[in-house]
């Protein structure tokens, strides 16, 4: 069973930065795609960013230019570097991985104060 464990969330002021980490129980290269999603209170979960097996990335328009998705293959960990944070970025952030089956982490709370 694949395990994904997120960390790095917290409380930050608007304009600040956070880096989220997602450690996988197996090689991150075994997944066709890994992603970050977020769910704000009372709203549906939405995609934030993706990284494909061969390294290509995609971002939601709302985070493009502010967030960066990266991967450390040796540590089996992916990261979401979040800069210029806004109050509307407040949400629980989830890591996902897909190898034909979708796996999810438990989520990490990000709160951006105005």
N, C-alpha and C. Protein backbone atom coordinates (compact mmCIF):
# COMPACT_ATOMS: atom_id res chain seq x y z
N UNK A 1 0.83 -1.18 0.00
CA UNK A 1 0.00 0.00 0.00
C UNK A 1 0.88 1.25 0.00
N UNK A 2 0.65 2.14 -0.95
CA UNK A 2 1.43 3.36 -1.04
C UNK A 2 1.00 4.33 0.05
N UNK A 3 1.99 4.92 0.71
CA UNK A 3 1.72 5.96 1.70
C UNK A 3 2.33 7.27 1.24
N UNK A 4 1.55 8.33 1.40
CA UNK A 4 2.02 9.69 1.12
C UNK A 4 1.86 10.50 2.39
N UNK A 5 2.92 11.17 2.80
CA UNK A 5 2.88 11.93 4.04
C UNK A 5 3.29 13.36 3.75
N UNK A 6 2.35 14.28 3.96
CA UNK A 6 2.61 15.70 3.74
C UNK A 6 3.13 16.35 5.01
N UNK A 7 3.88 17.41 4.84
CA UNK A 7 4.33 18.22 5.97
C UNK A 7 4.64 19.62 5.45
N UNK A 8 4.82 20.55 6.38
CA UNK A 8 5.25 21.89 5.99
C UNK A 8 4.17 22.95 6.04
N UNK A 9 2.95 22.55 6.32
CA UNK A 9 1.90 23.56 6.41
C UNK A 9 2.06 24.41 7.66
N UNK A 10 1.26 25.46 7.74
CA UNK A 10 1.32 26.32 8.90
C UNK A 10 0.61 27.63 8.67
N UNK A 11 0.87 28.57 9.55
CA UNK A 11 0.27 29.90 9.49
C UNK A 11 1.31 30.89 8.99
N UNK A 12 0.94 31.68 7.99
CA UNK A 12 1.87 32.65 7.43
C UNK A 12 1.09 33.91 7.05
N UNK A 13 1.77 35.03 7.09
CA UNK A 13 1.12 36.28 6.68
C UNK A 13 1.08 36.39 5.17
N UNK A 14 0.13 37.15 4.69
CA UNK A 14 0.03 37.39 3.26
C UNK A 14 1.35 37.94 2.73
N UNK A 15 1.75 37.43 1.58
CA UNK A 15 3.03 37.80 1.00
C UNK A 15 4.17 36.89 1.39
N UNK A 16 3.93 36.03 2.36
CA UNK A 16 4.96 35.12 2.83
C UNK A 16 5.08 33.87 1.99
N UNK A 17 5.92 32.95 2.48
CA UNK A 17 6.22 31.72 1.74
C UNK A 17 6.14 30.51 2.65
N UNK A 18 5.83 29.39 2.05
CA UNK A 18 5.88 28.09 2.72
C UNK A 18 6.34 27.06 1.71
N UNK A 19 6.94 25.99 2.21
CA UNK A 19 7.28 24.87 1.35
C UNK A 19 6.64 23.61 1.92
N UNK A 20 5.78 23.02 1.13
CA UNK A 20 5.17 21.76 1.51
C UNK A 20 6.00 20.61 0.97
N UNK A 21 6.04 19.53 1.74
CA UNK A 21 6.74 18.31 1.33
C UNK A 21 5.76 17.15 1.32
N UNK A 22 5.99 16.22 0.44
CA UNK A 22 5.20 14.99 0.39
C UNK A 22 6.18 13.84 0.18
N UNK A 23 6.31 13.02 1.21
CA UNK A 23 7.21 11.87 1.14
C UNK A 23 6.41 10.63 0.78
N UNK A 24 6.92 9.88 -0.19
CA UNK A 24 6.24 8.68 -0.66
C UNK A 24 6.94 7.43 -0.13
N UNK A 25 6.16 6.36 0.04
CA UNK A 25 6.70 5.11 0.56
C UNK A 25 7.39 4.28 -0.52
N UNK A 26 7.31 4.75 -1.78
CA UNK A 26 8.05 4.11 -2.85
C UNK A 26 8.55 5.18 -3.81
N UNK A 27 9.32 4.75 -4.78
CA UNK A 27 9.95 5.69 -5.68
C UNK A 27 8.93 6.61 -6.34
N UNK A 28 9.20 7.91 -6.28
CA UNK A 28 8.29 8.86 -6.94
C UNK A 28 8.30 8.66 -8.45
N UNK A 29 9.33 8.03 -8.97
CA UNK A 29 9.40 7.77 -10.41
C UNK A 29 8.50 6.61 -10.83
N UNK A 30 7.93 5.91 -9.86
CA UNK A 30 7.02 4.81 -10.18
C UNK A 30 5.62 5.32 -10.53
N UNK A 31 5.38 6.59 -10.28
CA UNK A 31 4.07 7.16 -10.53
C UNK A 31 4.04 7.88 -11.87
N UNK A 32 2.93 7.75 -12.57
CA UNK A 32 2.79 8.46 -13.85
C UNK A 32 2.66 9.95 -13.61
N UNK A 33 2.02 10.31 -12.51
CA UNK A 33 1.81 11.72 -12.20
C UNK A 33 1.65 11.87 -10.69
N UNK A 34 2.16 12.96 -10.18
CA UNK A 34 1.90 13.33 -8.79
C UNK A 34 1.34 14.74 -8.78
N UNK A 35 0.51 15.00 -7.79
CA UNK A 35 -0.14 16.30 -7.78
C UNK A 35 -0.34 16.85 -6.39
N UNK A 36 -0.61 18.13 -6.35
CA UNK A 36 -1.06 18.81 -5.15
C UNK A 36 -2.46 19.35 -5.42
N UNK A 37 -3.34 19.09 -4.48
CA UNK A 37 -4.70 19.61 -4.51
C UNK A 37 -4.91 20.41 -3.23
N UNK A 38 -5.95 21.22 -3.21
CA UNK A 38 -6.30 21.92 -1.98
C UNK A 38 -7.82 21.99 -1.85
N UNK A 39 -8.22 22.07 -0.60
CA UNK A 39 -9.65 22.17 -0.30
C UNK A 39 -9.85 23.21 0.78
N UNK A 40 -10.48 24.31 0.40
CA UNK A 40 -10.82 25.34 1.36
C UNK A 40 -12.12 24.95 2.05
N UNK A 41 -12.32 25.49 3.23
CA UNK A 41 -13.51 25.16 4.00
C UNK A 41 -14.76 25.50 3.21
N UNK A 42 -15.66 24.53 3.10
CA UNK A 42 -16.91 24.74 2.40
C UNK A 42 -16.82 24.68 0.89
N UNK A 43 -15.64 24.35 0.37
CA UNK A 43 -15.47 24.30 -1.08
C UNK A 43 -15.00 22.92 -1.52
N UNK A 44 -15.10 22.69 -2.81
CA UNK A 44 -14.64 21.41 -3.36
C UNK A 44 -13.12 21.39 -3.47
N UNK A 45 -12.57 20.19 -3.44
CA UNK A 45 -11.14 20.03 -3.64
C UNK A 45 -10.80 20.45 -5.06
N UNK A 46 -9.70 21.19 -5.21
CA UNK A 46 -9.32 21.65 -6.54
C UNK A 46 -7.85 21.34 -6.80
N UNK A 47 -7.51 21.09 -8.05
CA UNK A 47 -6.11 20.83 -8.39
C UNK A 47 -5.28 22.11 -8.32
N UNK A 48 -4.05 21.97 -7.88
CA UNK A 48 -3.13 23.10 -7.76
C UNK A 48 -1.97 22.95 -8.74
N UNK A 49 -1.34 21.79 -8.73
CA UNK A 49 -0.16 21.61 -9.58
C UNK A 49 0.09 20.12 -9.77
N UNK A 50 0.75 19.80 -10.89
CA UNK A 50 1.07 18.41 -11.21
C UNK A 50 2.50 18.31 -11.70
N UNK A 51 3.10 17.16 -11.44
CA UNK A 51 4.38 16.86 -12.05
C UNK A 51 4.28 15.48 -12.69
N UNK A 52 4.71 15.40 -13.92
CA UNK A 52 4.59 14.16 -14.68
C UNK A 52 5.85 13.32 -14.51
N UNK A 53 5.76 12.07 -14.86
CA UNK A 53 6.84 11.11 -14.66
C UNK A 53 8.16 11.63 -15.22
N UNK A 54 8.12 12.28 -16.37
CA UNK A 54 9.36 12.71 -17.02
C UNK A 54 9.68 14.17 -16.72
N UNK A 55 8.97 14.74 -15.73
CA UNK A 55 9.39 16.02 -15.17
C UNK A 55 8.57 17.24 -15.56
N UNK A 56 7.69 17.11 -16.53
CA UNK A 56 6.88 18.26 -16.91
C UNK A 56 5.92 18.65 -15.80
N UNK A 57 5.63 19.94 -15.69
CA UNK A 57 4.75 20.42 -14.65
C UNK A 57 3.59 21.23 -15.23
N UNK A 58 2.50 21.25 -14.51
CA UNK A 58 1.33 22.06 -14.85
C UNK A 58 0.83 22.74 -13.59
N UNK A 59 0.28 23.94 -13.76
CA UNK A 59 -0.20 24.70 -12.61
C UNK A 59 -1.58 25.27 -12.88
N UNK A 60 -2.37 25.38 -11.83
CA UNK A 60 -3.63 26.10 -11.92
C UNK A 60 -3.31 27.57 -12.18
N UNK A 61 -4.18 28.23 -12.92
CA UNK A 61 -3.95 29.65 -13.23
C UNK A 61 -3.80 30.49 -11.97
N UNK A 62 -4.51 30.11 -10.93
CA UNK A 62 -4.52 30.91 -9.70
C UNK A 62 -3.17 30.89 -8.97
N UNK A 63 -2.31 29.92 -9.28
CA UNK A 63 -1.02 29.82 -8.58
C UNK A 63 0.17 29.97 -9.52
N UNK A 64 -0.09 30.05 -10.79
CA UNK A 64 0.98 30.11 -11.77
C UNK A 64 1.86 31.34 -11.51
N UNK A 65 3.16 31.12 -11.49
CA UNK A 65 4.10 32.20 -11.22
C UNK A 65 4.40 32.39 -9.75
N UNK A 66 3.61 31.78 -8.89
CA UNK A 66 3.83 31.90 -7.44
C UNK A 66 4.26 30.58 -6.81
N UNK A 67 3.75 29.47 -7.32
CA UNK A 67 4.03 28.14 -6.77
C UNK A 67 4.95 27.38 -7.72
N UNK A 68 5.82 26.56 -7.14
CA UNK A 68 6.72 25.73 -7.92
C UNK A 68 6.69 24.31 -7.39
N UNK A 69 6.47 23.36 -8.28
CA UNK A 69 6.43 21.94 -7.95
C UNK A 69 7.77 21.34 -8.33
N UNK A 70 8.41 20.68 -7.37
CA UNK A 70 9.69 20.05 -7.68
C UNK A 70 9.74 18.66 -7.07
N UNK A 71 10.78 17.93 -7.44
CA UNK A 71 10.87 16.52 -7.04
C UNK A 71 12.31 16.18 -6.72
N UNK A 72 12.50 15.44 -5.63
CA UNK A 72 13.82 14.90 -5.28
C UNK A 72 13.71 13.39 -5.39
N UNK A 73 14.20 12.85 -6.50
CA UNK A 73 14.05 11.42 -6.75
C UNK A 73 14.79 10.58 -5.70
N UNK A 74 15.92 11.07 -5.24
CA UNK A 74 16.72 10.31 -4.28
C UNK A 74 16.01 10.19 -2.92
N UNK A 75 15.21 11.19 -2.59
CA UNK A 75 14.50 11.19 -1.30
C UNK A 75 13.06 10.73 -1.43
N UNK A 76 12.64 10.43 -2.66
CA UNK A 76 11.24 10.02 -2.89
C UNK A 76 10.27 11.05 -2.29
N UNK A 77 10.58 12.28 -2.55
CA UNK A 77 9.81 13.39 -2.00
C UNK A 77 9.54 14.42 -3.08
N UNK A 78 8.34 14.97 -3.04
CA UNK A 78 8.02 16.10 -3.91
C UNK A 78 7.72 17.31 -3.02
N UNK A 79 7.87 18.48 -3.61
CA UNK A 79 7.73 19.71 -2.87
C UNK A 79 6.82 20.68 -3.61
N UNK A 80 6.16 21.51 -2.84
CA UNK A 80 5.42 22.61 -3.42
C UNK A 80 5.91 23.88 -2.73
N UNK A 81 6.70 24.66 -3.46
CA UNK A 81 7.20 25.94 -2.95
C UNK A 81 6.14 26.98 -3.24
N UNK A 82 5.66 27.63 -2.19
CA UNK A 82 4.57 28.59 -2.35
C UNK A 82 5.06 29.97 -1.92
N UNK A 83 5.07 30.90 -2.85
CA UNK A 83 5.51 32.26 -2.59
C UNK A 83 4.36 33.24 -2.81
N UNK A 84 4.55 34.45 -2.31
CA UNK A 84 3.54 35.51 -2.47
C UNK A 84 2.16 35.00 -2.08
N UNK A 85 2.09 34.36 -0.95
CA UNK A 85 0.84 33.73 -0.52
C UNK A 85 -0.24 34.77 -0.27
N UNK A 86 -1.47 34.36 -0.57
CA UNK A 86 -2.64 35.22 -0.42
C UNK A 86 -3.62 34.56 0.54
N UNK A 87 -4.48 35.33 1.18
CA UNK A 87 -5.49 34.71 2.06
C UNK A 87 -6.33 33.65 1.34
N UNK A 88 -6.56 33.83 0.06
CA UNK A 88 -7.36 32.86 -0.68
C UNK A 88 -6.62 31.55 -0.95
N UNK A 89 -5.35 31.49 -0.59
CA UNK A 89 -4.61 30.23 -0.67
C UNK A 89 -4.85 29.35 0.56
N UNK A 90 -5.54 29.88 1.54
CA UNK A 90 -5.84 29.12 2.75
C UNK A 90 -6.66 27.89 2.42
N UNK A 91 -6.18 26.73 2.85
CA UNK A 91 -6.84 25.47 2.54
C UNK A 91 -6.06 24.32 3.17
N UNK A 92 -6.65 23.15 3.14
CA UNK A 92 -5.89 21.93 3.41
C UNK A 92 -5.31 21.47 2.08
N UNK A 93 -4.02 21.24 2.07
CA UNK A 93 -3.32 20.83 0.86
C UNK A 93 -3.04 19.33 0.92
N UNK A 94 -3.40 18.66 -0.17
CA UNK A 94 -3.24 17.21 -0.26
C UNK A 94 -2.28 16.85 -1.38
N UNK A 95 -1.47 15.85 -1.10
CA UNK A 95 -0.59 15.27 -2.10
C UNK A 95 -1.29 14.06 -2.71
N UNK A 96 -1.12 13.87 -4.00
CA UNK A 96 -1.69 12.69 -4.64
C UNK A 96 -0.65 12.06 -5.56
N UNK A 97 -0.85 10.79 -5.84
CA UNK A 97 0.02 10.05 -6.75
C UNK A 97 -0.83 9.05 -7.51
N UNK A 98 -0.49 8.82 -8.77
CA UNK A 98 -1.29 7.94 -9.61
C UNK A 98 -0.39 7.04 -10.44
N UNK A 99 -0.59 5.72 -10.27
CA UNK A 99 0.10 4.74 -11.10
C UNK A 99 -0.92 3.81 -11.73
N UNK A 100 -2.11 4.35 -11.97
CA UNK A 100 -3.25 3.55 -12.39
C UNK A 100 -4.24 3.46 -11.24
N UNK A 101 -3.73 3.60 -10.06
CA UNK A 101 -4.51 3.74 -8.83
C UNK A 101 -4.15 5.09 -8.23
N UNK A 102 -5.15 5.77 -7.70
CA UNK A 102 -4.88 7.09 -7.11
C UNK A 102 -4.69 6.94 -5.60
N UNK A 103 -3.64 7.60 -5.11
CA UNK A 103 -3.34 7.58 -3.68
C UNK A 103 -3.36 9.02 -3.16
N UNK A 104 -3.70 9.15 -1.88
CA UNK A 104 -3.79 10.47 -1.26
C UNK A 104 -3.08 10.49 0.07
N UNK A 105 -2.52 11.64 0.39
CA UNK A 105 -2.00 11.85 1.72
C UNK A 105 -3.11 12.34 2.63
N UNK A 106 -2.73 12.61 3.88
CA UNK A 106 -3.73 12.98 4.88
C UNK A 106 -4.02 14.48 4.87
N UNK A 107 -3.19 15.26 4.21
CA UNK A 107 -3.40 16.70 4.10
C UNK A 107 -2.62 17.48 5.14
N UNK A 108 -2.31 18.72 4.80
CA UNK A 108 -1.64 19.64 5.71
C UNK A 108 -2.29 21.02 5.57
N UNK A 109 -2.55 21.64 6.69
CA UNK A 109 -3.28 22.91 6.69
C UNK A 109 -2.34 24.07 6.39
N UNK A 110 -2.77 24.91 5.47
CA UNK A 110 -2.07 26.16 5.18
C UNK A 110 -3.05 27.29 5.46
N UNK A 111 -2.64 28.21 6.31
CA UNK A 111 -3.48 29.36 6.65
C UNK A 111 -2.69 30.63 6.38
N UNK A 112 -3.27 31.50 5.56
CA UNK A 112 -2.62 32.75 5.20
C UNK A 112 -3.45 33.89 5.78
N UNK A 113 -2.86 34.64 6.68
CA UNK A 113 -3.57 35.74 7.32
C UNK A 113 -3.35 37.03 6.55
N UNK A 114 -4.37 37.88 6.57
CA UNK A 114 -4.29 39.15 5.83
C UNK A 114 -3.67 40.25 6.66
